[in-house]
Amino acid sequence: LQGSLVRTDDGSESWGYVEVRPKAHMF
């Protein structure tokens, strides 16, 4: 899941992960 940005069709919401350090992922 972490590699993808998810967003609603109307752009009102988005969520995802950022790899803040190698092998450390923030939601």
PDB file of all heavy atoms in Angstrom:
ATOM      1  N   LEU A   1       0.807  -1.214   0.000  1.00  0.00           N
ATOM      2  CA  LEU A   1       0.000   0.000   0.000  1.00  0.00           C
ATOM      3  C   LEU A   1       0.843   1.268   0.000  1.00  0.00           C
ATOM      4  O   LEU A   1       0.413   2.299  -0.503  1.00  0.00           O
ATOM      5  CB  LEU A   1      -0.911   0.019   1.231  1.00  0.00           C
ATOM      6  CG  LEU A   1      -1.948  -1.091   1.323  1.00  0.00           C
ATOM      7  CD1 LEU A   1      -2.645  -1.036   2.675  1.00  0.00           C
ATOM      8  CD2 LEU A   1      -2.949  -0.968   0.195  1.00  0.00           C
ATOM      9  N   GLN A   2       2.024   1.215   0.586  1.00  0.00           N
ATOM     10  CA  GLN A   2       2.775   2.442   0.854  1.00  0.00           C
ATOM     11  C   GLN A   2       3.240   3.176  -0.389  1.00  0.00           C
ATOM     12  O   GLN A   2       3.440   4.367  -0.342  1.00  0.00           O
ATOM     13  CB  GLN A   2       3.945   2.183   1.794  1.00  0.00           C
ATOM     14  CG  GLN A   2       5.088   1.396   1.235  1.00  0.00           C
ATOM     15  CD  GLN A   2       6.163   2.229   0.615  1.00  0.00           C
ATOM     16  OE1 GLN A   2       6.305   3.407   0.888  1.00  0.00           O
ATOM     17  NE2 GLN A   2       6.933   1.616  -0.242  1.00  0.00           N
ATOM     18  N   GLY A   3       3.369   2.507  -1.491  1.00  0.00           N
ATOM     19  CA  GLY A   3       3.853   3.179  -2.683  1.00  0.00           C
ATOM     20  C   GLY A   3       2.799   4.001  -3.394  1.00  0.00           C
ATOM     21  O   GLY A   3       3.106   4.755  -4.294  1.00  0.00           O
ATOM     22  N   SER A   4       1.552   3.861  -2.974  1.00  0.00           N
ATOM     23  CA  SER A   4       0.498   4.528  -3.726  1.00  0.00           C
ATOM     24  C   SER A   4      -0.190   5.604  -2.897  1.00  0.00           C
ATOM     25  O   SER A   4      -0.381   5.450  -1.697  1.00  0.00           O
ATOM     26  CB  SER A   4      -0.531   3.497  -4.185  1.00  0.00           C
ATOM     27  OG  SER A   4      -1.094   2.849  -3.082  1.00  0.00           O
ATOM     28  N   LEU A   5      -0.548   6.649  -3.563  1.00  0.00           N
ATOM     29  CA  LEU A   5      -1.364   7.705  -2.983  1.00  0.00           C
ATOM     30  C   LEU A   5      -2.805   7.387  -3.343  1.00  0.00           C
ATOM     31  O   LEU A   5      -3.103   7.107  -4.502  1.00  0.00           O
ATOM     32  CB  LEU A   5      -0.954   9.062  -3.560  1.00  0.00           C
ATOM     33  CG  LEU A   5      -1.930  10.219  -3.350  1.00  0.00           C
ATOM     34  CD1 LEU A   5      -1.939  10.633  -1.884  1.00  0.00           C
ATOM     35  CD2 LEU A   5      -1.560  11.378  -4.230  1.00  0.00           C
ATOM     36  N   VAL A   6      -3.672   7.406  -2.356  1.00  0.00           N
ATOM     37  CA  VAL A   6      -5.081   7.145  -2.600  1.00  0.00           C
ATOM     38  C   VAL A   6      -5.819   8.456  -2.459  1.00  0.00           C
ATOM     39  O   VAL A   6      -5.534   9.250  -1.557  1.00  0.00           O
ATOM     40  CB  VAL A   6      -5.634   6.099  -1.607  1.00  0.00           C
ATOM     41  CG1 VAL A   6      -7.094   5.818  -1.882  1.00  0.00           C
ATOM     42  CG2 VAL A   6      -4.819   4.820  -1.675  1.00  0.00           C
ATOM     43  N   ARG A   7      -6.781   8.688  -3.360  1.00  0.00           N
ATOM     44  CA  ARG A   7      -7.512   9.954  -3.329  1.00  0.00           C
ATOM     45  C   ARG A   7      -8.934   9.708  -3.806  1.00  0.00           C
ATOM     46  O   ARG A   7      -9.168   8.854  -4.649  1.00  0.00           O
ATOM     47  CB  ARG A   7      -6.756  10.952  -4.179  1.00  0.00           C
ATOM     48  CG  ARG A   7      -7.475  11.917  -4.972  1.00  0.00           C
ATOM     49  CD  ARG A   7      -6.585  12.875  -5.734  1.00  0.00           C
ATOM     50  NE  ARG A   7      -5.389  13.198  -4.992  1.00  0.00           N
ATOM     51  CZ  ARG A   7      -4.254  13.577  -5.524  1.00  0.00           C
ATOM     52  NH1 ARG A   7      -4.136  13.702  -6.802  1.00  0.00           N
ATOM     53  NH2 ARG A   7      -3.214  13.859  -4.785  1.00  0.00           N
ATOM     54  N   THR A   8      -9.876  10.460  -3.236  1.00  0.00           N
ATOM     55  CA  THR A   8     -11.250  10.364  -3.699  1.00  0.00           C
ATOM     56  C   THR A   8     -11.357  11.017  -5.069  1.00  0.00           C
ATOM     57  O   THR A   8     -10.540  11.867  -5.438  1.00  0.00           O
ATOM     58  CB  THR A   8     -12.219  11.052  -2.719  1.00  0.00           C
ATOM     59  OG1 THR A   8     -11.806  12.405  -2.524  1.00  0.00           O
ATOM     60  CG2 THR A   8     -12.256  10.336  -1.379  1.00  0.00           C
ATOM     61  N   ASP A   9     -12.381  10.634  -5.834  1.00  0.00           N
ATOM     62  CA  ASP A   9     -12.564  11.174  -7.183  1.00  0.00           C
ATOM     63  C   ASP A   9     -12.682  12.696  -7.196  1.00  0.00           C
ATOM     64  O   ASP A   9     -12.191  13.361  -8.103  1.00  0.00           O
ATOM     65  CB  ASP A   9     -13.800  10.567  -7.849  1.00  0.00           C
ATOM     66  CG  ASP A   9     -13.599   9.099  -8.188  1.00  0.00           C
ATOM     67  OD1 ASP A   9     -12.441   8.654  -8.276  1.00  0.00           O
ATOM     68  OD2 ASP A   9     -14.616   8.400  -8.362  1.00  0.00           O
ATOM     69  N   ASP A  10     -13.340  13.251  -6.173  1.00  0.00           N
ATOM     70  CA  ASP A  10     -13.539  14.706  -6.136  1.00  0.00           C
ATOM     71  C   ASP A  10     -12.375  15.463  -5.492  1.00  0.00           C
ATOM     72  O   ASP A  10     -12.399  16.679  -5.394  1.00  0.00           O
ATOM     73  CB  ASP A  10     -14.853  15.053  -5.430  1.00  0.00           C
ATOM     74  CG  ASP A  10     -14.865  14.664  -3.961  1.00  0.00           C
ATOM     75  OD1 ASP A  10     -13.859  14.105  -3.452  1.00  0.00           O
ATOM     76  OD2 ASP A  10     -15.897  14.910  -3.303  1.00  0.00           O
ATOM     77  N   GLY A  11     -11.346  14.742  -5.033  1.00  0.00           N
ATOM     78  CA  GLY A  11     -10.182  15.393  -4.436  1.00  0.00           C
ATOM     79  C   GLY A  11     -10.391  15.884  -3.020  1.00  0.00           C
ATOM     80  O   GLY A  11      -9.539  16.579  -2.471  1.00  0.00           O
ATOM     81  N   SER A  12     -11.512  15.512  -2.395  1.00  0.00           N
ATOM     82  CA  SER A  12     -11.792  16.003  -1.044  1.00  0.00           C
ATOM     83  C   SER A  12     -10.961  15.296   0.020  1.00  0.00           C
ATOM     84  O   SER A  12     -10.801  15.822   1.123  1.00  0.00           O
ATOM     85  CB  SER A  12     -13.282  15.851  -0.719  1.00  0.00           C
ATOM     86  OG  SER A  12     -13.654  14.488  -0.741  1.00  0.00           O
ATOM     87  N   GLU A  13     -10.429  14.123  -0.286  1.00  0.00           N
ATOM     88  CA  GLU A  13      -9.592  13.381   0.642  1.00  0.00           C
ATOM     89  C   GLU A  13      -8.447  12.726  -0.105  1.00  0.00           C
ATOM     90  O   GLU A  13      -8.596  12.321  -1.249  1.00  0.00           O
ATOM     91  CB  GLU A  13     -10.368  12.239   1.314  1.00  0.00           C
ATOM     92  CG  GLU A  13     -11.505  12.638   2.172  1.00  0.00           C
ATOM     93  CD  GLU A  13     -12.223  11.403   2.719  1.00  0.00           C
ATOM     94  OE1 GLU A  13     -11.557  10.521   3.293  1.00  0.00           O
ATOM     95  OE2 GLU A  13     -13.450  11.338   2.557  1.00  0.00           O
ATOM     96  N   SER A  14      -7.319  12.603   0.589  1.00  0.00           N
ATOM     97  CA  SER A  14      -6.230  11.779   0.085  1.00  0.00           C
ATOM     98  C   SER A  14      -5.476  11.236   1.283  1.00  0.00           C
ATOM     99  O   SER A  14      -5.514  11.816   2.367  1.00  0.00           O
ATOM    100  CB  SER A  14      -5.311  12.564  -0.855  1.00  0.00           C
ATOM    101  OG  SER A  14      -4.815  13.725  -0.243  1.00  0.00           O
ATOM    102  N   TRP A  15      -4.827  10.115   1.097  1.00  0.00           N
ATOM    103  CA  TRP A  15      -4.079   9.508   2.172  1.00  0.00           C
ATOM    104  C   TRP A  15      -3.016   8.614   1.571  1.00  0.00           C
ATOM    105  O   TRP A  15      -3.081   8.239   0.403  1.00  0.00           O
ATOM    106  CB  TRP A  15      -4.989   8.708   3.113  1.00  0.00           C
ATOM    107  CG  TRP A  15      -5.793   7.635   2.449  1.00  0.00           C
ATOM    108  CD1 TRP A  15      -5.428   6.316   2.294  1.00  0.00           C
ATOM    109  CD2 TRP A  15      -7.065   7.769   1.826  1.00  0.00           C
ATOM    110  NE1 TRP A  15      -6.414   5.640   1.624  1.00  0.00           N
ATOM    111  CE2 TRP A  15      -7.435   6.499   1.326  1.00  0.00           C
ATOM    112  CE3 TRP A  15      -7.946   8.836   1.637  1.00  0.00           C
ATOM    113  CZ2 TRP A  15      -8.628   6.279   0.659  1.00  0.00           C
ATOM    114  CZ3 TRP A  15      -9.137   8.596   0.969  1.00  0.00           C
ATOM    115  CH2 TRP A  15      -9.476   7.333   0.497  1.00  0.00           C
ATOM    116  N   GLY A  16      -2.030   8.291   2.383  1.00  0.00           N
ATOM    117  CA  GLY A  16      -0.968   7.429   1.887  1.00  0.00           C
ATOM    118  C   GLY A  16       0.191   7.354   2.855  1.00  0.00           C
ATOM    119  O   GLY A  16       0.104   7.784   4.009  1.00  0.00           O
ATOM    120  N   TYR A  17       1.268   6.803   2.367  1.00  0.00           N
ATOM    121  CA  TYR A  17       2.490   6.635   3.145  1.00  0.00           C
ATOM    122  C   TYR A  17       3.612   7.445   2.526  1.00  0.00           C
ATOM    123  O   TYR A  17       3.671   7.616   1.318  1.00  0.00           O
ATOM    124  CB  TYR A  17       2.926   5.168   3.156  1.00  0.00           C
ATOM    125  CG  TYR A  17       2.110   4.302   4.076  1.00  0.00           C
ATOM    126  CD1 TYR A  17       1.014   3.607   3.600  1.00  0.00           C
ATOM    127  CD2 TYR A  17       2.443   4.187   5.419  1.00  0.00           C
ATOM    128  CE1 TYR A  17       0.260   2.809   4.447  1.00  0.00           C
ATOM    129  CE2 TYR A  17       1.695   3.389   6.264  1.00  0.00           C
ATOM    130  CZ  TYR A  17       0.611   2.699   5.778  1.00  0.00           C
ATOM    131  OH  TYR A  17      -0.129   1.915   6.610  1.00  0.00           O
ATOM    132  N   VAL A  18       4.516   7.895   3.383  1.00  0.00           N
ATOM    133  CA  VAL A  18       5.773   8.495   2.951  1.00  0.00           C
ATOM    134  C   VAL A  18       6.877   7.696   3.627  1.00  0.00           C
ATOM    135  O   VAL A  18       6.818   7.457   4.847  1.00  0.00           O
ATOM    136  CB  VAL A  18       5.872   9.985   3.361  1.00  0.00           C
ATOM    137  CG1 VAL A  18       7.284  10.518   3.155  1.00  0.00           C
ATOM    138  CG2 VAL A  18       4.867  10.821   2.577  1.00  0.00           C
ATOM    139  N   GLU A  19       7.843   7.252   2.847  1.00  0.00           N
ATOM    140  CA  GLU A  19       9.007   6.589   3.432  1.00  0.00           C
ATOM    141  C   GLU A  19       9.929   7.694   3.937  1.00  0.00           C
ATOM    142  O   GLU A  19      10.608   8.357   3.163  1.00  0.00           O
ATOM    143  CB  GLU A  19       9.710   5.690   2.411  1.00  0.00           C
ATOM    144  CG  GLU A  19      10.799   4.862   3.042  1.00  0.00           C
ATOM    145  CD  GLU A  19      11.352   3.792   2.108  1.00  0.00           C
ATOM    146  OE1 GLU A  19      11.175   3.904   0.875  1.00  0.00           O
ATOM    147  OE2 GLU A  19      11.969   2.851   2.620  1.00  0.00           O
ATOM    148  N   VAL A  20       9.902   7.911   5.263  1.00  0.00           N
ATOM    149  CA  VAL A  20      10.637   9.029   5.854  1.00  0.00           C
ATOM    150  C   VAL A  20      12.107   8.703   6.088  1.00  0.00           C
ATOM    151  O   VAL A  20      12.936   9.606   6.200  1.00  0.00           O
ATOM    152  CB  VAL A  20       9.970   9.499   7.172  1.00  0.00           C
ATOM    153  CG1 VAL A  20       8.612  10.123   6.888  1.00  0.00           C
ATOM    154  CG2 VAL A  20       9.843   8.377   8.184  1.00  0.00           C
ATOM    155  N   ARG A  21      12.408   7.446   6.183  1.00  0.00           N
ATOM    156  CA  ARG A  21      13.766   6.907   6.237  1.00  0.00           C
ATOM    157  C   ARG A  21      13.692   5.542   5.563  1.00  0.00           C
ATOM    158  O   ARG A  21      12.608   4.982   5.462  1.00  0.00           O
ATOM    159  CB  ARG A  21      14.239   6.705   7.694  1.00  0.00           C
ATOM    160  CG  ARG A  21      14.557   7.966   8.433  1.00  0.00           C
ATOM    161  CD  ARG A  21      14.960   7.698   9.894  1.00  0.00           C
ATOM    162  NE  ARG A  21      13.763   7.482  10.710  1.00  0.00           N
ATOM    163  CZ  ARG A  21      13.526   6.412  11.451  1.00  0.00           C
ATOM    164  NH1 ARG A  21      14.405   5.424  11.497  1.00  0.00           N
ATOM    165  NH2 ARG A  21      12.425   6.289  12.153  1.00  0.00           N
ATOM    166  N   PRO A  22      14.809   5.000   5.103  1.00  0.00           N
ATOM    167  CA  PRO A  22      14.724   3.659   4.528  1.00  0.00           C
ATOM    168  C   PRO A  22      14.056   2.696   5.513  1.00  0.00           C
ATOM    169  O   PRO A  22      14.450   2.610   6.684  1.00  0.00           O
ATOM    170  CB  PRO A  22      16.182   3.279   4.274  1.00  0.00           C
ATOM    171  CG  PRO A  22      16.868   4.602   4.074  1.00  0.00           C
ATOM    172  CD  PRO A  22      16.169   5.549   5.029  1.00  0.00           C
ATOM    173  N   LYS A  23      12.985   2.034   5.055  1.00  0.00           N
ATOM    174  CA  LYS A  23      12.226   1.040   5.814  1.00  0.00           C
ATOM    175  C   LYS A  23      11.422   1.623   6.976  1.00  0.00           C
ATOM    176  O   LYS A  23      11.006   0.899   7.871  1.00  0.00           O
ATOM    177  CB  LYS A  23      13.135  -0.090   6.301  1.00  0.00           C
ATOM    178  CG  LYS A  23      13.806  -0.851   5.162  1.00  0.00           C
ATOM    179  CD  LYS A  23      14.581  -2.027   5.684  1.00  0.00           C
ATOM    180  CE  LYS A  23      15.167  -2.796   4.496  1.00  0.00           C
ATOM    181  NZ  LYS A  23      15.772  -4.045   4.920  1.00  0.00           N
ATOM    182  N   ALA A  24      11.198   2.929   6.978  1.00  0.00           N
ATOM    183  CA  ALA A  24      10.356   3.592   7.993  1.00  0.00           C
ATOM    184  C   ALA A  24       9.282   4.382   7.260  1.00  0.00           C
ATOM    185  O   ALA A  24       9.589   5.296   6.489  1.00  0.00           O
ATOM    186  CB  ALA A  24      11.197   4.512   8.873  1.00  0.00           C
ATOM    187  N   HIS A  25       8.012   4.037   7.482  1.00  0.00           N
ATOM    188  CA  HIS A  25       6.904   4.540   6.683  1.00  0.00           C
ATOM    189  C   HIS A  25       5.884   5.256   7.566  1.00  0.00           C
ATOM    190  O   HIS A  25       5.377   4.682   8.532  1.00  0.00           O
ATOM    191  CB  HIS A  25       6.222   3.383   5.949  1.00  0.00           C
ATOM    192  CG  HIS A  25       7.194   2.501   5.232  1.00  0.00           C
ATOM    193  ND1 HIS A  25       7.598   2.740   3.940  1.00  0.00           N
ATOM    194  CD2 HIS A  25       7.877   1.402   5.641  1.00  0.00           C
ATOM    195  CE1 HIS A  25       8.469   1.808   3.574  1.00  0.00           C
ATOM    196  NE2 HIS A  25       8.653   0.992   4.588  1.00  0.00           N
ATOM    197  N   MET A  26       5.565   6.492   7.236  1.00  0.00           N
ATOM    198  CA  MET A  26       4.622   7.294   8.015  1.00  0.00           C
ATOM    199  C   MET A  26       3.325   7.465   7.234  1.00  0.00           C
ATOM    200  O   MET A  26       3.337   7.779   6.043  1.00  0.00           O
ATOM    201  CB  MET A  26       5.238   8.660   8.344  1.00  0.00           C
ATOM    202  CG  MET A  26       4.507   9.385   9.447  1.00  0.00           C
ATOM    203  SD  MET A  26       5.394  10.868   9.977  1.00  0.00           S
ATOM    204  CE  MET A  26       6.745  10.119  10.864  1.00  0.00           C
ATOM    205  N   PHE A  27       2.194   7.272   7.935  1.00  0.00           N
ATOM    206  CA  PHE A  27       0.877   7.349   7.319  1.00  0.00           C
ATOM    207  C   PHE A  27       0.239   8.707   7.597  1.00  0.00           C
ATOM    208  O   PHE A  27       0.365   9.256   8.694  1.00  0.00           O
ATOM    209  CB  PHE A  27      -0.029   6.238   7.880  1.00  0.00           C
ATOM    210  CG  PHE A  27      -1.357   6.150   7.188  1.00  0.00           C
ATOM    211  CD1 PHE A  27      -1.459   5.659   5.900  1.00  0.00           C
ATOM    212  CD2 PHE A  27      -2.513   6.567   7.826  1.00  0.00           C
ATOM    213  CE1 PHE A  27      -2.687   5.563   5.252  1.00  0.00           C
ATOM    214  CE2 PHE A  27      -3.747   6.477   7.193  1.00  0.00           C
ATOM    215  CZ  PHE A  27      -3.836   5.979   5.908  1.00  0.00           C
TER     216      PHE A  27
END
